[in-house]
C-alpha atoms as a PDB file:
ATOM      1  CA  MET A   1      -9.154  14.641   8.851  1.00  0.00           C
ATOM      2  CA  LYS A   2      -7.597  13.144  11.951  1.00  0.00           C
ATOM      3  CA  LYS A   3      -3.974  14.001  12.741  1.00  0.00           C
ATOM      4  CA  LEU A   4      -2.069  10.778  13.284  1.00  0.00           C
ATOM      5  CA  LYS A   5       0.378  10.420  16.165  1.00  0.00           C
ATOM      6  CA  SER A   6       3.795   9.805  14.593  1.00  0.00           C
ATOM      7  CA  VAL A   7       6.252   7.228  15.883  1.00  0.00           C
ATOM      8  CA  GLU A   8       8.577  10.186  16.441  1.00  0.00           C
ATOM      9  CA  GLU A   9       6.563  10.887  19.618  1.00  0.00           C
ATOM     10  CA  ILE A  10       7.229   7.482  21.172  1.00  0.00           C
ATOM     11  CA  ASN A  11       9.095   7.174  24.499  1.00  0.00           C
ATOM     12  CA  GLU A  12      12.464   5.472  24.734  1.00  0.00           C
ATOM     13  CA  GLY A  13      12.654   1.834  25.763  1.00  0.00           C
ATOM     14  CA  GLN A  14       9.083   0.891  24.828  1.00  0.00           C
ATOM     15  CA  ASN A  15       8.066  -2.612  23.852  1.00  0.00           C
ATOM     16  CA  VAL A  16       6.468  -2.206  20.435  1.00  0.00           C
ATOM     17  CA  ILE A  17       4.155  -4.295  18.256  1.00  0.00           C
ATOM     18  CA  LEU A  18       5.153  -3.122  14.773  1.00  0.00           C
ATOM     19  CA  ARG A  19       2.817  -3.914  11.873  1.00  0.00           C
ATOM     20  CA  ILE A  20       4.710  -3.838   8.557  1.00  0.00           C
ATOM     21  CA  ASP A  21       3.745  -4.652   4.970  1.00  0.00           C
ATOM     22  CA  ALA A  22       5.432  -8.022   4.535  1.00  0.00           C
ATOM     23  CA  ASP A  23       3.351  -9.120   1.535  1.00  0.00           C
ATOM     24  CA  VAL A  24       6.239  -9.278  -0.933  1.00  0.00           C
ATOM     25  CA  PRO A  25       6.346 -11.313  -4.167  1.00  0.00           C
ATOM     26  CA  VAL A  26       8.253 -14.575  -3.745  1.00  0.00           C
ATOM     27  CA  VAL A  27       9.266 -16.968  -6.531  1.00  0.00           C
ATOM     28  CA  GLY A  28      10.632 -20.271  -5.293  1.00  0.00           C
ATOM     29  CA  GLU A  29      12.828 -19.287  -2.353  1.00  0.00           C
ATOM     30  CA  LYS A  30      13.648 -15.819  -3.592  1.00  0.00           C
ATOM     31  CA  ILE A  31      12.016 -12.440  -2.941  1.00  0.00           C
ATOM     32  CA  ILE A  32      11.887 -10.674  -6.311  1.00  0.00           C
ATOM     33  CA  ASP A  33      10.907  -7.235  -4.987  1.00  0.00           C
ATOM     34  CA  ASN A  34      11.706  -6.062  -1.451  1.00  0.00           C
ATOM     35  CA  SER A  35      10.486  -2.465  -1.904  1.00  0.00           C
ATOM     36  CA  ARG A  36       7.667  -2.905   0.624  1.00  0.00           C
ATOM     37  CA  LEU A  37      10.146  -3.971   3.281  1.00  0.00           C
ATOM     38  CA  LEU A  38      12.430  -1.045   2.471  1.00  0.00           C
ATOM     39  CA  LYS A  39       9.586   1.372   3.214  1.00  0.00           C
ATOM     40  CA  SER A  40       9.560   0.305   6.884  1.00  0.00           C
ATOM     41  CA  VAL A  41      13.324   0.303   7.393  1.00  0.00           C
ATOM     42  CA  PRO A  42      13.445   3.982   8.531  1.00  0.00           C
ATOM     43  CA  THR A  43      10.790   3.278  11.189  1.00  0.00           C
ATOM     44  CA  ILE A  44      12.572   0.149  12.402  1.00  0.00           C
ATOM     45  CA  ARG A  45      15.921   1.935  12.625  1.00  0.00           C
ATOM     46  CA  PHE A  46      14.294   4.845  14.458  1.00  0.00           C
ATOM     47  CA  LEU A  47      12.739   2.522  17.041  1.00  0.00           C
ATOM     48  CA  LEU A  48      15.973   0.605  17.563  1.00  0.00           C
ATOM     49  CA  GLU A  49      17.812   3.890  18.126  1.00  0.00           C
ATOM     50  CA  LYS A  50      15.190   4.686  20.801  1.00  0.00           C
ATOM     51  CA  ARG A  51      16.148   1.397  22.499  1.00  0.00           C
ATOM     52  CA  CYS A  52      12.728  -0.102  21.806  1.00  0.00           C
ATOM     53  CA  LYS A  53      12.164  -3.841  21.588  1.00  0.00           C
ATOM     54  CA  LEU A  54      10.152  -4.804  18.520  1.00  0.00           C
ATOM     55  CA  ILE A  55       7.587  -7.516  17.905  1.00  0.00           C
ATOM     56  CA  ILE A  56       7.248  -7.363  14.113  1.00  0.00           C
ATOM     57  CA  VAL A  57       4.055  -8.751  12.577  1.00  0.00           C
ATOM     58  CA  GLY A  58       2.635  -8.932   9.071  1.00  0.00           C
ATOM     59  CA  HIS A  59       1.087 -11.223   6.490  1.00  0.00           C
ATOM     60  CA  MET A  60       1.917 -12.675   3.081  1.00  0.00           C
ATOM     61  CA  GLY A  61      -0.471 -14.026   0.475  1.00  0.00           C
ATOM     62  CA  ARG A  62      -3.788 -15.730   1.165  1.00  0.00           C
ATOM     63  CA  PRO A  63      -2.956 -19.061   2.830  1.00  0.00           C
ATOM     64  CA  LYS A  64      -5.898 -21.355   3.508  1.00  0.00           C
ATOM     65  CA  CYS A  65      -4.096 -22.917   6.476  1.00  0.00           C
ATOM     66  CA  GLN A  66      -0.663 -22.899   8.116  1.00  0.00           C
ATOM     67  CA  ASP A  67       1.022 -23.523   4.772  1.00  0.00           C
ATOM     68  CA  GLU A  68       4.834 -23.449   4.915  1.00  0.00           C
ATOM     69  CA  ALA A  69       4.846 -21.993   1.372  1.00  0.00           C
ATOM     70  CA  PHE A  70       3.504 -18.770   2.898  1.00  0.00           C
ATOM     71  CA  SER A  71       5.857 -18.658   5.873  1.00  0.00           C
ATOM     72  CA  LEU A  72       7.345 -15.251   6.670  1.00  0.00           C
ATOM     73  CA  LYS A  73      10.737 -16.761   7.541  1.00  0.00           C
ATOM     74  CA  ILE A  74      12.107 -15.792   4.130  1.00  0.00           C
ATOM     75  CA  VAL A  75      10.802 -12.243   4.585  1.00  0.00           C
ATOM     76  CA  TYR A  76      12.420 -11.775   7.957  1.00  0.00           C
ATOM     77  CA  VAL A  77      15.763 -13.186   6.764  1.00  0.00           C
ATOM     78  CA  GLU A  78      15.681 -10.564   4.003  1.00  0.00           C
ATOM     79  CA  LEU A  79      14.725  -7.813   6.427  1.00  0.00           C
ATOM     80  CA  MET A  80      17.534  -8.677   8.831  1.00  0.00           C
ATOM     81  CA  GLU A  81      20.044  -8.616   5.961  1.00  0.00           C
ATOM     82  CA  ILE A  82      18.822  -5.128   5.064  1.00  0.00           C
ATOM     83  CA  LEU A  83      18.977  -3.916   8.681  1.00  0.00           C
ATOM     84  CA  GLU A  84      22.412  -5.320   9.437  1.00  0.00           C
ATOM     85  CA  LYS A  85      23.973  -3.951   6.265  1.00  0.00           C
ATOM     86  CA  ASN A  86      26.373  -1.164   7.241  1.00  0.00           C
ATOM     87  CA  CYS A  87      25.534  -1.806  10.912  1.00  0.00           C
ATOM     88  CA  ASN A  88      28.431  -2.515  13.261  1.00  0.00           C
ATOM     89  CA  ASP A  89      26.330  -4.183  15.936  1.00  0.00           C
ATOM     90  CA  CYS A  90      24.529  -7.506  15.580  1.00  0.00           C
ATOM     91  CA  ILE A  91      20.791  -7.119  16.166  1.00  0.00           C
ATOM     92  CA  THR A  92      19.563  -9.975  18.346  1.00  0.00           C
ATOM     93  CA  ASN A  93      16.430 -11.500  16.855  1.00  0.00           C
ATOM     94  CA  VAL A  94      14.276 -14.598  17.000  1.00  0.00           C
ATOM     95  CA  PHE A  95      11.431 -16.064  14.948  1.00  0.00           C
ATOM     96  CA  ILE A  96       8.255 -17.160  16.765  1.00  0.00           C
ATOM     97  CA  GLU A  97       6.020 -19.637  14.942  1.00  0.00           C
ATOM     98  CA  ASP A  98       3.052 -19.481  17.337  1.00  0.00           C
ATOM     99  CA  ILE A  99       1.729 -16.043  18.295  1.00  0.00           C
ATOM    100  CA  LYS A 100      -0.496 -17.664  20.931  1.00  0.00           C
ATOM    101  CA  ASP A 101       2.403 -19.160  22.906  1.00  0.00           C
ATOM    102  CA  GLU A 102       2.627 -16.587  25.704  1.00  0.00           C
ATOM    103  CA  GLY A 103       5.618 -18.213  27.411  1.00  0.00           C
ATOM    104  CA  LYS A 104       7.768 -18.166  24.270  1.00  0.00           C
ATOM    105  CA  ILE A 105       6.710 -14.600  23.470  1.00  0.00           C
ATOM    106  CA  LEU A 106       7.667 -13.280  26.919  1.00  0.00           C
ATOM    107  CA  LYS A 107      11.089 -14.981  26.850  1.00  0.00           C
ATOM    108  CA  ALA A 108      11.724 -13.891  23.249  1.00  0.00           C
ATOM    109  CA  VAL A 109      11.023 -10.235  24.066  1.00  0.00           C
ATOM    110  CA  ALA A 110      13.189 -10.395  27.188  1.00  0.00           C
ATOM    111  CA  ASP A 111      16.169 -11.837  25.284  1.00  0.00           C
ATOM    112  CA  ASN A 112      16.013 -10.069  21.892  1.00  0.00           C
ATOM    113  CA  GLN A 113      15.794  -6.666  20.234  1.00  0.00           C
ATOM    114  CA  ILE A 114      13.511  -7.975  17.484  1.00  0.00           C
ATOM    115  CA  VAL A 115      10.934 -10.754  17.713  1.00  0.00           C
ATOM    116  CA  PHE A 116       9.556 -11.838  14.339  1.00  0.00           C
ATOM    117  CA  VAL A 117       6.107 -13.470  14.298  1.00  0.00           C
ATOM    118  CA  GLU A 118       4.835 -15.952  11.708  1.00  0.00           C
ATOM    119  CA  ASN A 119       2.321 -14.999   8.981  1.00  0.00           C
ATOM    120  CA  LEU A 120      -0.745 -13.611  10.789  1.00  0.00           C
ATOM    121  CA  ARG A 121      -3.056 -15.120   8.184  1.00  0.00           C
ATOM    122  CA  PHE A 122      -2.147 -18.563   9.521  1.00  0.00           C
ATOM    123  CA  TRP A 123      -4.795 -17.764  12.166  1.00  0.00           C
ATOM    124  CA  ALA A 124      -8.443 -17.150  11.213  1.00  0.00           C
ATOM    125  CA  GLU A 125      -8.770 -14.358  13.796  1.00  0.00           C
ATOM    126  CA  GLU A 126      -6.601 -12.035  11.694  1.00  0.00           C
ATOM    127  CA  GLU A 127      -9.004 -11.693   8.759  1.00  0.00           C
ATOM    128  CA  LEU A 128     -12.021 -11.907  11.068  1.00  0.00           C
ATOM    129  CA  GLY A 129     -10.758  -8.804  12.873  1.00  0.00           C
ATOM    130  CA  GLU A 130     -10.608 -10.560  16.266  1.00  0.00           C
ATOM    131  CA  THR A 131      -7.893  -8.757  18.221  1.00  0.00           C
ATOM    132  CA  SER A 132      -7.916 -11.522  20.857  1.00  0.00           C
ATOM    133  CA  LEU A 133      -5.276 -13.060  18.558  1.00  0.00           C
ATOM    134  CA  PHE A 134      -2.807 -10.709  20.268  1.00  0.00           C
ATOM    135  CA  ASP A 135      -3.768 -11.497  23.891  1.00  0.00           C
ATOM    136  CA  SER A 136      -0.448 -13.306  24.410  1.00  0.00           C
ATOM    137  CA  LEU A 137       1.386  -9.981  23.903  1.00  0.00           C
ATOM    138  CA  LYS A 138      -0.459  -7.991  26.563  1.00  0.00           C
ATOM    139  CA  LYS A 139       1.910  -8.955  29.404  1.00  0.00           C
ATOM    140  CA  VAL A 140       4.848  -7.244  27.662  1.00  0.00           C
ATOM    141  CA  LYS A 141       2.790  -4.012  27.900  1.00  0.00           C
ATOM    142  CA  PRO A 142       3.498  -2.871  24.346  1.00  0.00           C
ATOM    143  CA  VAL A 143       2.456   0.150  22.357  1.00  0.00           C
ATOM    144  CA  PHE A 144       1.307  -0.388  18.769  1.00  0.00           C
ATOM    145  CA  VAL A 145       3.013   1.124  15.719  1.00  0.00           C
ATOM    146  CA  ASN A 146       1.297   0.715  12.337  1.00  0.00           C
ATOM    147  CA  ASP A 147       3.573   1.140   9.324  1.00  0.00           C
ATOM    148  CA  ALA A 148       1.508  -0.890   6.840  1.00  0.00           C
ATOM    149  CA  PHE A 149      -0.390   1.744   4.877  1.00  0.00           C
ATOM    150  CA  ALA A 150      -1.192  -0.661   2.012  1.00  0.00           C
ATOM    151  CA  VAL A 151      -3.669  -2.544   4.230  1.00  0.00           C
ATOM    152  CA  ALA A 152      -5.055   0.423   6.194  1.00  0.00           C
ATOM    153  CA  HIS A 153      -8.463  -0.165   4.563  1.00  0.00           C
ATOM    154  CA  ARG A 154      -8.788  -3.739   5.825  1.00  0.00           C
ATOM    155  CA  LYS A 155     -10.579  -4.663   9.072  1.00  0.00           C
ATOM    156  CA  ASN A 156      -7.925  -7.206  10.026  1.00  0.00           C
ATOM    157  CA  ALA A 157      -7.061  -7.807  13.685  1.00  0.00           C
ATOM    158  CA  SER A 158      -3.552  -6.385  13.271  1.00  0.00           C
ATOM    159  CA  ILE A 159      -4.956  -3.201  11.732  1.00  0.00           C
ATOM    160  CA  LEU A 160      -7.522  -2.735  14.511  1.00  0.00           C
ATOM    161  CA  LEU A 161      -4.952  -2.900  17.325  1.00  0.00           C
ATOM    162  CA  HIS A 162      -5.266   0.865  17.773  1.00  0.00           C
ATOM    163  CA  ASN A 163      -8.419  -0.058  19.726  1.00  0.00           C
ATOM    164  CA  CYS A 164      -6.349  -2.121  22.187  1.00  0.00           C
ATOM    165  CA  PHE A 165      -3.040  -0.341  22.716  1.00  0.00           C
ATOM    166  CA  GLU A 166      -1.612   3.157  22.761  1.00  0.00           C
ATOM    167  CA  THR A 167      -0.954   3.719  19.073  1.00  0.00           C
ATOM    168  CA  TYR A 168       1.540   5.514  16.856  1.00  0.00           C
ATOM    169  CA  TYR A 169       2.039   5.440  13.092  1.00  0.00           C
ATOM    170  CA  GLY A 170       5.272   4.660  11.250  1.00  0.00           C
ATOM    171  CA  LEU A 171       7.245   7.189   9.225  1.00  0.00           C
ATOM    172  CA  ASN A 172       6.145   5.684   5.911  1.00  0.00           C
ATOM    173  CA  PHE A 173       2.504   5.421   7.000  1.00  0.00           C
ATOM    174  CA  VAL A 174       2.351   9.091   8.010  1.00  0.00           C
ATOM    175  CA  GLU A 175       4.013  10.176   4.758  1.00  0.00           C
ATOM    176  CA  GLU A 176       1.520   8.269   2.610  1.00  0.00           C
ATOM    177  CA  TYR A 177      -1.409   9.495   4.696  1.00  0.00           C
ATOM    178  CA  ASP A 178      -0.242  13.111   4.412  1.00  0.00           C
ATOM    179  CA  GLN A 179       0.232  12.900   0.638  1.00  0.00           C
ATOM    180  CA  ILE A 180      -3.332  11.679   0.061  1.00  0.00           C
ATOM    181  CA  LYS A 181      -4.667  14.205   2.569  1.00  0.00           C
ATOM    182  CA  ARG A 182      -2.956  16.870   0.461  1.00  0.00           C
ATOM    183  CA  ILE A 183      -4.915  15.659  -2.586  1.00  0.00           C
ATOM    184  CA  LEU A 184      -8.195  15.783  -0.685  1.00  0.00           C
ATOM    185  CA  ASP A 185      -7.490  19.267   0.678  1.00  0.00           C
ATOM    186  CA  SER A 186      -6.592  20.496  -2.805  1.00  0.00           C
ATOM    187  CA  ALA A 187      -9.748  18.997  -4.333  1.00  0.00           C
ATOM    188  CA  GLU A 188     -11.882  20.543  -1.588  1.00  0.00           C
ATOM    189  CA  GLN A 189     -10.349  23.959  -2.253  1.00  0.00           C
ATOM    190  CA  LYS A 190     -10.662  23.505  -6.044  1.00  0.00           C
ATOM    191  CA  ASN A 191      -6.957  24.172  -6.568  1.00  0.00           C
ATOM    192  CA  GLY A 192      -6.727  23.223 -10.229  1.00  0.00           C
ATOM    193  CA  VAL A 193      -7.676  20.209 -12.317  1.00  0.00           C
ATOM    194  CA  LEU A 194      -7.598  16.791 -10.614  1.00  0.00           C
ATOM    195  CA  THR A 195      -7.417  13.826 -12.992  1.00  0.00           C
ATOM    196  CA  ILE A 196      -7.717  10.205 -11.855  1.00  0.00           C
ATOM    197  CA  VAL A 197      -6.529   7.466 -14.237  1.00  0.00           C
ATOM    198  CA  LEU A 198      -7.920   3.993 -13.492  1.00  0.00           C
ATOM    199  CA  GLY A 199      -6.805   0.764 -15.147  1.00  0.00           C
ATOM    200  CA  GLY A 200      -5.869  -2.804 -14.401  1.00  0.00           C
ATOM    201  CA  ALA A 201      -8.307  -5.702 -14.182  1.00  0.00           C
ATOM    202  CA  LYS A 202      -9.768  -5.391 -10.663  1.00  0.00           C
ATOM    203  CA  GLU A 203     -13.452  -4.541 -10.972  1.00  0.00           C
ATOM    204  CA  ASP A 204     -13.614  -3.247  -7.384  1.00  0.00           C
ATOM    205  CA  LYS A 205     -12.157   0.070  -8.604  1.00  0.00           C
ATOM    206  CA  MET A 206     -15.495   0.701 -10.325  1.00  0.00           C
ATOM    207  CA  LYS A 207     -17.403   0.782  -7.033  1.00  0.00           C
ATOM    208  CA  HIS A 208     -15.657   4.063  -6.212  1.00  0.00           C
ATOM    209  CA  LEU A 209     -16.672   5.931  -9.399  1.00  0.00           C
ATOM    210  CA  ASN A 210     -19.646   7.759  -7.942  1.00  0.00           C
ATOM    211  CA  GLU A 211     -17.647   9.191  -5.039  1.00  0.00           C
ATOM    212  CA  LEU A 212     -14.493   9.827  -7.078  1.00  0.00           C
ATOM    213  CA  ALA A 213     -16.524  11.855  -9.571  1.00  0.00           C
ATOM    214  CA  LYS A 214     -17.416  14.228  -6.741  1.00  0.00           C
ATOM    215  CA  ILE A 215     -13.791  15.217  -6.149  1.00  0.00           C
ATOM    216  CA  ALA A 216     -12.194  14.741  -9.590  1.00  0.00           C
ATOM    217  CA  ASP A 217     -12.448  16.894 -12.704  1.00  0.00           C
ATOM    218  CA  HIS A 218     -11.638  13.945 -14.984  1.00  0.00           C
ATOM    219  CA  ILE A 219     -11.677  10.164 -14.558  1.00  0.00           C
ATOM    220  CA  LEU A 220      -9.951   8.254 -17.361  1.00  0.00           C
ATOM    221  CA  ILE A 221     -10.753   4.536 -17.550  1.00  0.00           C
ATOM    222  CA  GLY A 222      -8.524   2.017 -19.333  1.00  0.00           C
ATOM    223  CA  GLY A 223      -7.132  -1.473 -18.820  1.00  0.00           C
ATOM    224  CA  LYS A 224      -9.757  -4.215 -18.680  1.00  0.00           C
ATOM    225  CA  LEU A 225     -12.255  -1.919 -16.952  1.00  0.00           C
ATOM    226  CA  PRO A 226     -13.971  -0.605 -20.141  1.00  0.00           C
ATOM    227  CA  LYS A 227     -14.996  -4.197 -20.965  1.00  0.00           C
ATOM    228  CA  LEU A 228     -16.647  -4.500 -17.536  1.00  0.00           C
ATOM    229  CA  ILE A 229     -18.918  -1.505 -18.049  1.00  0.00           C
ATOM    230  CA  ASN A 230     -22.478  -2.368 -19.022  1.00  0.00           C
ATOM    231  CA  ASN A 231     -23.978   0.989 -19.986  1.00  0.00           C
ATOM    232  CA  GLU A 232     -24.089   2.230 -16.408  1.00  0.00           C
ATOM    233  CA  GLU A 233     -26.133   5.419 -16.282  1.00  0.00           C
ATOM    234  CA  LEU A 234     -23.529   7.132 -14.106  1.00  0.00           C
ATOM    235  CA  ILE A 235     -20.836   6.740 -16.769  1.00  0.00           C
ATOM    236  CA  ILE A 236     -22.991   7.587 -19.777  1.00  0.00           C
ATOM    237  CA  ASN A 237     -24.335  10.794 -18.234  1.00  0.00           C
ATOM    238  CA  ASN A 238     -21.221  12.041 -16.453  1.00  0.00           C
ATOM    239  CA  LYS A 239     -19.002  14.213 -18.617  1.00  0.00           C
ATOM    240  CA  LYS A 240     -16.162  13.858 -16.119  1.00  0.00           C
ATOM    241  CA  ILE A 241     -15.753  10.158 -16.956  1.00  0.00           C
ATOM    242  CA  LEU A 242     -13.975   9.141 -20.152  1.00  0.00           C
ATOM    243  CA  VAL A 243     -13.941   5.436 -20.989  1.00  0.00           C
ATOM    244  CA  ALA A 244     -11.309   4.191 -23.441  1.00  0.00           C
ATOM    245  CA  GLY A 245     -12.592   2.710 -26.690  1.00  0.00           C
ATOM    246  CA  LEU A 246      -9.575   0.353 -26.770  1.00  0.00           C
ATOM    247  CA  ARG A 247      -7.995  -1.145 -29.872  1.00  0.00           C
ATOM    248  CA  GLU A 248      -9.807  -3.894 -31.807  1.00  0.00           C
ATOM    249  CA  ASP A 249      -8.666  -6.826 -29.649  1.00  0.00           C
ATOM    250  CA  GLY A 250      -9.574  -4.937 -26.452  1.00  0.00           C
ATOM    251  CA  LEU A 251      -6.171  -5.611 -24.889  1.00  0.00           C
ATOM    252  CA  ASP A 252      -4.727  -2.091 -24.954  1.00  0.00           C
ATOM    253  CA  LEU A 253      -5.553   1.565 -25.544  1.00  0.00           C
ATOM    254  CA  SER A 254      -6.050   2.714 -29.118  1.00  0.00           C
ATOM    255  CA  ASP A 255      -3.940   5.556 -30.520  1.00  0.00           C
ATOM    256  CA  LYS A 256      -7.019   7.779 -30.231  1.00  0.00           C
ATOM    257  CA  ASP A 257      -7.378   6.880 -26.523  1.00  0.00           C
ATOM    258  CA  ILE A 258      -3.714   7.658 -25.893  1.00  0.00           C
ATOM    259  CA  GLU A 259      -4.011  11.040 -27.574  1.00  0.00           C
ATOM    260  CA  LYS A 260      -7.160  12.035 -25.668  1.00  0.00           C
ATOM    261  CA  PHE A 261      -5.930  10.777 -22.291  1.00  0.00           C
ATOM    262  CA  SER A 262      -2.582  12.548 -22.743  1.00  0.00           C
ATOM    263  CA  GLU A 263      -4.305  15.818 -23.654  1.00  0.00           C
ATOM    264  CA  ILE A 264      -6.318  15.769 -20.417  1.00  0.00           C
ATOM    265  CA  ILE A 265      -3.306  14.722 -18.318  1.00  0.00           C
ATOM    266  CA  ASN A 266      -1.245  17.611 -19.695  1.00  0.00           C
ATOM    267  CA  SER A 267      -3.915  20.114 -18.589  1.00  0.00           C
ATOM    268  CA  SER A 268      -4.055  18.769 -15.013  1.00  0.00           C
ATOM    269  CA  LYS A 269      -2.604  20.119 -11.799  1.00  0.00           C
ATOM    270  CA  ILE A 270      -2.839  16.809  -9.919  1.00  0.00           C
ATOM    271  CA  VAL A 271      -2.776  13.326 -11.501  1.00  0.00           C
ATOM    272  CA  ILE A 272      -3.494  10.064  -9.664  1.00  0.00           C
ATOM    273  CA  TRP A 273      -2.832   6.833 -11.565  1.00  0.00           C
ATOM    274  CA  ALA A 274      -3.754   3.291 -10.468  1.00  0.00           C
ATOM    275  CA  GLY A 275      -3.639   0.348 -12.864  1.00  0.00           C
ATOM    276  CA  ALA A 276      -2.057  -0.567 -16.204  1.00  0.00           C
ATOM    277  CA  MET A 277      -3.772   0.638 -19.382  1.00  0.00           C
ATOM    278  CA  GLY A 278      -3.614  -2.726 -21.137  1.00  0.00           C
ATOM    279  CA  PHE A 279      -2.747  -6.410 -20.710  1.00  0.00           C
ATOM    280  CA  TYR A 280       0.685  -5.417 -19.445  1.00  0.00           C
ATOM    281  CA  GLU A 281       2.007  -8.985 -19.106  1.00  0.00           C
ATOM    282  CA  ASP A 282       2.076  -9.189 -22.944  1.00  0.00           C
ATOM    283  CA  LYS A 283       4.804  -7.080 -24.595  1.00  0.00           C
ATOM    284  CA  ASN A 284       2.451  -6.407 -27.503  1.00  0.00           C
ATOM    285  CA  CYS A 285      -0.026  -4.770 -25.130  1.00  0.00           C
ATOM    286  CA  GLN A 286       2.265  -2.365 -23.263  1.00  0.00           C
ATOM    287  CA  LYS A 287       2.116   0.652 -25.584  1.00  0.00           C
ATOM    288  CA  GLY A 288      -0.874   2.291 -23.877  1.00  0.00           C
ATOM    289  CA  THR A 289       0.594   1.914 -20.385  1.00  0.00           C
ATOM    290  CA  GLU A 290       3.990   3.215 -21.478  1.00  0.00           C
ATOM    291  CA  LYS A 291       2.603   6.220 -23.392  1.00  0.00           C
ATOM    292  CA  ILE A 292       0.374   7.217 -20.475  1.00  0.00           C
ATOM    293  CA  ALA A 293       3.327   6.709 -18.088  1.00  0.00           C
ATOM    294  CA  GLU A 294       5.377   9.100 -20.235  1.00  0.00           C
ATOM    295  CA  SER A 295       2.552  11.654 -20.375  1.00  0.00           C
ATOM    296  CA  ILE A 296       2.111  11.587 -16.604  1.00  0.00           C
ATOM    297  CA  ALA A 297       5.844  11.685 -15.855  1.00  0.00           C
ATOM    298  CA  ASN A 298       6.442  14.632 -18.194  1.00  0.00           C
ATOM    299  CA  CYS A 299       3.412  16.760 -17.318  1.00  0.00           C
ATOM    300  CA  GLN A 300       3.675  19.647 -14.849  1.00  0.00           C
ATOM    301  CA  ALA A 301       1.145  18.194 -12.384  1.00  0.00           C
ATOM    302  CA  PHE A 302       1.747  16.783  -8.909  1.00  0.00           C
ATOM    303  CA  LYS A 303       1.827  13.030  -9.616  1.00  0.00           C
ATOM    304  CA  ILE A 304       0.875  10.055  -7.432  1.00  0.00           C
ATOM    305  CA  ILE A 305       0.882   6.469  -8.738  1.00  0.00           C
ATOM    306  CA  ALA A 306      -0.038   3.115  -7.168  1.00  0.00           C
ATOM    307  CA  GLY A 307      -0.098  -0.524  -8.197  1.00  0.00           C
ATOM    308  CA  GLY A 308       2.468  -3.099  -9.313  1.00  0.00           C
ATOM    309  CA  ASP A 309       2.242  -2.787 -13.108  1.00  0.00           C
ATOM    310  CA  THR A 310       1.822   0.976 -12.846  1.00  0.00           C
ATOM    311  CA  THR A 311       5.005   1.304 -10.830  1.00  0.00           C
ATOM    312  CA  ALA A 312       6.841  -1.263 -12.981  1.00  0.00           C
ATOM    313  CA  SER A 313       6.129   0.716 -16.147  1.00  0.00           C
ATOM    314  CA  ILE A 314       7.464   3.909 -14.573  1.00  0.00           C
ATOM    315  CA  ILE A 315      10.623   2.146 -13.358  1.00  0.00           C
ATOM    316  CA  ASN A 316      11.205   0.303 -16.649  1.00  0.00           C
ATOM    317  CA  LEU A 317      11.035   3.593 -18.548  1.00  0.00           C
ATOM    318  CA  GLY A 318      13.462   5.269 -16.158  1.00  0.00           C
ATOM    319  CA  LEU A 319      10.835   7.801 -15.079  1.00  0.00           C
ATOM    320  CA  LYS A 320      10.600   7.061 -11.357  1.00  0.00           C
ATOM    321  CA  ASN A 321      12.394  10.290 -10.394  1.00  0.00           C
ATOM    322  CA  LYS A 322       9.692  12.286 -12.194  1.00  0.00           C
ATOM    323  CA  ILE A 323       6.911  10.922  -9.970  1.00  0.00           C
ATOM    324  CA  ASP A 324       6.191  12.906  -6.811  1.00  0.00           C
ATOM    325  CA  PHE A 325       4.903   9.983  -4.782  1.00  0.00           C
ATOM    326  CA  ILE A 326       4.433   6.217  -5.169  1.00  0.00           C
ATOM    327  CA  CYS A 327       1.664   4.893  -2.914  1.00  0.00           C
ATOM    328  CA  SER A 328       1.897   1.404  -1.391  1.00  0.00           C
ATOM    329  CA  GLY A 329      -1.433   0.254  -2.819  1.00  0.00           C
ATOM    330  CA  GLY A 330      -4.118   1.379  -5.234  1.00  0.00           C
ATOM    331  CA  GLY A 331      -6.944  -0.068  -3.146  1.00  0.00           C
ATOM    332  CA  VAL A 332      -6.116   1.852   0.021  1.00  0.00           C
ATOM    333  CA  MET A 333      -5.484   5.050  -1.937  1.00  0.00           C
ATOM    334  CA  LEU A 334      -8.914   4.969  -3.589  1.00  0.00           C
ATOM    335  CA  GLU A 335     -10.629   4.012  -0.318  1.00  0.00           C
ATOM    336  CA  MET A 336      -9.038   6.973   1.455  1.00  0.00           C
ATOM    337  CA  LEU A 337      -9.992   9.368  -1.336  1.00  0.00           C
ATOM    338  CA  VAL A 338     -13.659   8.445  -1.055  1.00  0.00           C
ATOM    339  CA  LYS A 339     -13.986   7.635   2.665  1.00  0.00           C
ATOM    340  CA  ASN A 340     -11.389   9.797   4.442  1.00  0.00           C
ATOM    341  CA  ASN A 341     -11.560   7.568   7.542  1.00  0.00           C
ATOM    342  CA  LEU A 342     -10.261   4.019   7.333  1.00  0.00           C
ATOM    343  CA  PRO A 343     -10.161   1.096   9.814  1.00  0.00           C
ATOM    344  CA  ALA A 344      -6.492   1.760  10.617  1.00  0.00           C
ATOM    345  CA  TRP A 345      -7.305   4.921  12.549  1.00  0.00           C
ATOM    346  CA  ASN A 346     -11.079   5.289  12.766  1.00  0.00           C
END
């Protein structure tokens, strides 16, 4: 696999377009989980120490137009509070609402250490992968730093900027990339049992089964996914794939499922887990997720998890320190396992 050029190699004083994962959950006017922002703080601090000027871009949600409810203003206020905490110096910053306004961009970069740009999904070019969206930034002669691993599998304009500018990858991005590369290298060398646990309700995980079965020794399927399987030949005839029978109402693992899944997990050298094992929003349907979380946390394997409910269950049970790595997103993790090369660097 390709070796990514780390942000640690960047020259001092560069103007930088920094792509972060700004897609945080917001309720009302409050961010309820800022963990995605925290992942990019080391990269931002590193760049500021190198006297770089930053143009920070990202997206939030799926706005159908320039909807103020999806504005990144709240995200950038939160990020500045994080950055300025325990910092003696005030970091000059400004928020730009129109990425296409070249005049404002040039003045903002000249006058500030950080320029925040509005939600990229306010412009159709972002999801269409049209990098012309960033033409207004070319006169500041920036380099591009990608620290948004969670969307590395998407062909968005801000992910494809490595085709337009000299490119480096953020500290968090490189760490996540290296951890999944380690899994692939281990699977290729057959270094012990690799078990992949898939759950949740997103059917798109199923499209990866054929390729995942080539690298995994076991694939355990729970959550809503067993109800989406319609006697696919691949699953029926592949002894590597174990589909949960679920309890009678179909909303959680049965005790038999928990026992079998836990037995396989305990015999594994590497475990990858993406997706809750039941309808996790209902307290009566959390047993399967919690029991599998405990099995994974307490086994001797190298453990990677991804996904909101997956991570929440680990945190709620006080088991986070027993997990070797928490990946930004389940989708990108599975895509990298089966494709190796993703739009963010290919």
